[in-house]
N, C-alpha and C. Protein backbone atom coordinates (compact mmCIF):
# COMPACT_ATOMS: atom_id res chain seq x y z
N MET A 1 19.70 -1.28 -4.78
CA MET A 1 18.34 -0.81 -4.73
C MET A 1 17.42 -2.02 -4.64
N SER A 2 16.43 -1.91 -3.80
CA SER A 2 15.47 -3.00 -3.63
C SER A 2 14.41 -2.93 -4.72
N VAL A 3 13.75 -4.04 -4.94
CA VAL A 3 12.69 -4.10 -5.94
C VAL A 3 11.52 -3.19 -5.54
N GLU A 4 11.27 -3.04 -4.25
CA GLU A 4 10.19 -2.17 -3.79
C GLU A 4 10.47 -0.71 -4.16
N ARG A 5 11.70 -0.27 -3.93
CA ARG A 5 12.06 1.11 -4.27
C ARG A 5 12.05 1.32 -5.78
N ALA A 6 12.53 0.34 -6.51
CA ALA A 6 12.54 0.43 -7.98
C ALA A 6 11.11 0.50 -8.51
N LEU A 7 10.22 -0.26 -7.91
CA LEU A 7 8.82 -0.24 -8.34
C LEU A 7 8.19 1.12 -8.09
N THR A 8 8.47 1.72 -6.95
CA THR A 8 7.95 3.05 -6.64
C THR A 8 8.48 4.08 -7.63
N ALA A 9 9.77 4.02 -7.93
CA ALA A 9 10.36 4.93 -8.90
C ALA A 9 9.76 4.74 -10.28
N PHE A 10 9.58 3.49 -10.67
CA PHE A 10 9.00 3.18 -11.98
C PHE A 10 7.56 3.70 -12.08
N ALA A 11 6.77 3.48 -11.03
CA ALA A 11 5.38 3.94 -11.03
C ALA A 11 5.32 5.47 -11.12
N GLY A 12 6.17 6.14 -10.38
CA GLY A 12 6.21 7.61 -10.45
C GLY A 12 6.58 8.10 -11.83
N PHE A 13 7.57 7.46 -12.44
CA PHE A 13 7.97 7.84 -13.79
C PHE A 13 6.83 7.61 -14.79
N MET A 14 6.14 6.48 -14.67
CA MET A 14 5.06 6.17 -15.59
C MET A 14 3.90 7.16 -15.44
N VAL A 15 3.60 7.58 -14.23
CA VAL A 15 2.54 8.58 -14.03
C VAL A 15 2.93 9.89 -14.68
N LEU A 16 4.17 10.34 -14.46
CA LEU A 16 4.63 11.58 -15.08
C LEU A 16 4.62 11.49 -16.60
N LEU A 17 5.06 10.35 -17.14
CA LEU A 17 5.05 10.14 -18.58
C LEU A 17 3.62 10.19 -19.13
N SER A 18 2.70 9.54 -18.45
CA SER A 18 1.32 9.52 -18.93
C SER A 18 0.68 10.90 -18.88
N VAL A 19 1.01 11.69 -17.87
CA VAL A 19 0.49 13.07 -17.81
C VAL A 19 1.07 13.90 -18.96
N PHE A 20 2.36 13.75 -19.22
CA PHE A 20 3.00 14.45 -20.33
C PHE A 20 2.33 14.07 -21.66
N LEU A 21 2.12 12.77 -21.86
CA LEU A 21 1.49 12.31 -23.10
C LEU A 21 0.05 12.82 -23.22
N THR A 22 -0.66 12.89 -22.11
CA THR A 22 -2.02 13.40 -22.12
C THR A 22 -2.06 14.86 -22.54
N ILE A 23 -1.12 15.65 -22.02
CA ILE A 23 -1.10 17.08 -22.32
C ILE A 23 -0.63 17.36 -23.74
N TYR A 24 0.44 16.69 -24.16
CA TYR A 24 1.09 17.06 -25.41
C TYR A 24 0.78 16.17 -26.61
N VAL A 25 0.22 14.99 -26.41
CA VAL A 25 -0.01 14.09 -27.54
C VAL A 25 -1.51 13.89 -27.80
N ASN A 26 -2.20 13.30 -26.83
CA ASN A 26 -3.61 13.00 -27.02
C ASN A 26 -4.27 12.85 -25.65
N GLU A 27 -5.47 13.41 -25.52
CA GLU A 27 -6.15 13.38 -24.21
C GLU A 27 -6.54 11.98 -23.78
N TYR A 28 -6.57 11.03 -24.70
CA TYR A 28 -6.93 9.66 -24.34
C TYR A 28 -5.82 8.94 -23.56
N PHE A 29 -4.65 9.53 -23.49
CA PHE A 29 -3.59 8.95 -22.65
C PHE A 29 -3.95 9.03 -21.17
N ILE A 30 -4.99 9.78 -20.84
CA ILE A 30 -5.47 9.81 -19.46
C ILE A 30 -5.90 8.42 -19.02
N LEU A 31 -6.30 7.59 -19.97
CA LEU A 31 -6.67 6.20 -19.65
C LEU A 31 -5.45 5.41 -19.18
N PHE A 32 -4.29 5.74 -19.72
CA PHE A 32 -3.03 5.13 -19.27
C PHE A 32 -2.77 5.49 -17.82
N THR A 33 -3.01 6.75 -17.47
CA THR A 33 -2.85 7.20 -16.09
C THR A 33 -3.81 6.43 -15.18
N ALA A 34 -5.05 6.26 -15.64
CA ALA A 34 -6.04 5.52 -14.84
C ALA A 34 -5.61 4.06 -14.67
N PHE A 35 -5.07 3.46 -15.71
CA PHE A 35 -4.59 2.08 -15.62
C PHE A 35 -3.47 1.95 -14.59
N ILE A 36 -2.55 2.89 -14.59
CA ILE A 36 -1.44 2.88 -13.62
C ILE A 36 -2.00 2.98 -12.20
N GLY A 37 -2.94 3.89 -12.00
CA GLY A 37 -3.55 4.06 -10.69
C GLY A 37 -4.28 2.81 -10.23
N ALA A 38 -5.01 2.18 -11.15
CA ALA A 38 -5.73 0.95 -10.81
C ALA A 38 -4.74 -0.17 -10.46
N ASN A 39 -3.65 -0.26 -11.19
CA ASN A 39 -2.64 -1.27 -10.91
C ASN A 39 -2.00 -1.04 -9.53
N LEU A 40 -1.69 0.20 -9.21
CA LEU A 40 -1.13 0.51 -7.89
C LEU A 40 -2.13 0.18 -6.78
N PHE A 41 -3.40 0.47 -7.03
CA PHE A 41 -4.44 0.18 -6.05
C PHE A 41 -4.55 -1.32 -5.78
N GLN A 42 -4.62 -2.13 -6.84
CA GLN A 42 -4.74 -3.57 -6.63
C GLN A 42 -3.47 -4.13 -6.01
N GLN A 43 -2.31 -3.57 -6.34
CA GLN A 43 -1.04 -4.05 -5.77
C GLN A 43 -0.98 -3.79 -4.27
N SER A 44 -1.59 -2.72 -3.83
CA SER A 44 -1.57 -2.42 -2.40
C SER A 44 -2.34 -3.46 -1.59
N PHE A 45 -3.32 -4.12 -2.20
CA PHE A 45 -4.09 -5.16 -1.51
C PHE A 45 -3.53 -6.56 -1.72
N THR A 46 -3.08 -6.85 -2.92
CA THR A 46 -2.64 -8.20 -3.23
C THR A 46 -1.14 -8.41 -3.06
N GLY A 47 -0.37 -7.33 -3.18
CA GLY A 47 1.09 -7.45 -3.11
C GLY A 47 1.70 -7.93 -4.41
N PHE A 48 0.87 -8.09 -5.45
CA PHE A 48 1.36 -8.58 -6.74
C PHE A 48 1.39 -7.45 -7.77
N CYS A 49 2.53 -7.32 -8.45
CA CYS A 49 2.66 -6.37 -9.55
C CYS A 49 3.54 -7.02 -10.61
N PRO A 50 3.05 -7.12 -11.83
CA PRO A 50 3.84 -7.75 -12.90
C PRO A 50 5.20 -7.09 -13.11
N ALA A 51 5.28 -5.78 -12.91
CA ALA A 51 6.56 -5.09 -13.09
C ALA A 51 7.62 -5.61 -12.12
N THR A 52 7.20 -6.03 -10.95
CA THR A 52 8.13 -6.57 -9.96
C THR A 52 8.80 -7.84 -10.49
N LEU A 53 8.01 -8.69 -11.11
CA LEU A 53 8.57 -9.92 -11.68
C LEU A 53 9.60 -9.61 -12.76
N VAL A 54 9.27 -8.65 -13.61
CA VAL A 54 10.19 -8.26 -14.68
C VAL A 54 11.48 -7.69 -14.11
N MET A 55 11.36 -6.82 -13.12
CA MET A 55 12.56 -6.21 -12.51
C MET A 55 13.45 -7.25 -11.85
N ARG A 56 12.83 -8.22 -11.21
CA ARG A 56 13.62 -9.26 -10.56
C ARG A 56 14.37 -10.11 -11.58
N LYS A 57 13.70 -10.46 -12.69
CA LYS A 57 14.34 -11.32 -13.69
C LYS A 57 15.36 -10.57 -14.54
N LEU A 58 15.00 -9.38 -15.01
CA LEU A 58 15.88 -8.64 -15.91
C LEU A 58 17.07 -8.01 -15.19
N PHE A 59 16.81 -7.42 -14.03
CA PHE A 59 17.85 -6.66 -13.34
C PHE A 59 18.40 -7.34 -12.10
N GLY A 60 17.82 -8.47 -11.71
CA GLY A 60 18.30 -9.19 -10.55
C GLY A 60 18.08 -8.48 -9.23
N LEU A 61 17.08 -7.62 -9.17
CA LEU A 61 16.81 -6.89 -7.93
C LEU A 61 16.25 -7.83 -6.88
N LYS A 62 16.54 -7.52 -5.63
CA LYS A 62 16.08 -8.33 -4.51
C LYS A 62 15.13 -7.51 -3.64
N THR A 63 14.30 -8.21 -2.88
CA THR A 63 13.38 -7.53 -1.97
C THR A 63 14.17 -6.96 -0.80
N GLU A 64 13.56 -6.05 -0.08
CA GLU A 64 14.21 -5.47 1.09
C GLU A 64 14.49 -6.56 2.14
N LYS A 65 13.59 -7.51 2.23
CA LYS A 65 13.77 -8.62 3.18
C LYS A 65 15.00 -9.44 2.80
N GLU A 66 15.16 -9.73 1.52
CA GLU A 66 16.34 -10.49 1.06
C GLU A 66 17.63 -9.71 1.28
N LEU A 67 17.58 -8.40 1.05
CA LEU A 67 18.77 -7.57 1.27
C LEU A 67 19.14 -7.50 2.75
N ALA A 68 18.13 -7.44 3.62
CA ALA A 68 18.39 -7.40 5.06
C ALA A 68 19.02 -8.72 5.54
N ARG A 69 18.53 -9.84 5.00
CA ARG A 69 19.10 -11.14 5.35
C ARG A 69 20.55 -11.25 4.87
N GLN A 70 20.82 -10.66 3.73
CA GLN A 70 22.15 -10.71 3.14
C GLN A 70 23.17 -9.95 3.98
N LYS A 71 22.72 -8.88 4.66
CA LYS A 71 23.62 -8.07 5.48
C LYS A 71 24.03 -8.81 6.75
N HIS A 72 23.20 -9.69 7.25
CA HIS A 72 23.48 -10.35 8.52
C HIS A 72 24.14 -11.65 8.32
C-alpha cells in the first residue's frame, strides 16, 4: 500500500470517528471534524501532511512514485 492510499484511508477513518464522537459523546467534537477538513484542504495545496511523515517512519510506507520505480 502506498502512503497516499494510506493517508486517504486514515483521513476517511478520522472523519467517520469524529462524526461518531460528535453524535454520541459531545457536540464540540465537530471542531475535530473541521480540523481534519482544514488539514486536508491545506494538504491539497502544499502537498504536506504530518500524518504522511509518521506513516513513512513507523510503517515504512513508500510513495506511489517510489513503488513504480521499484517495479521497473
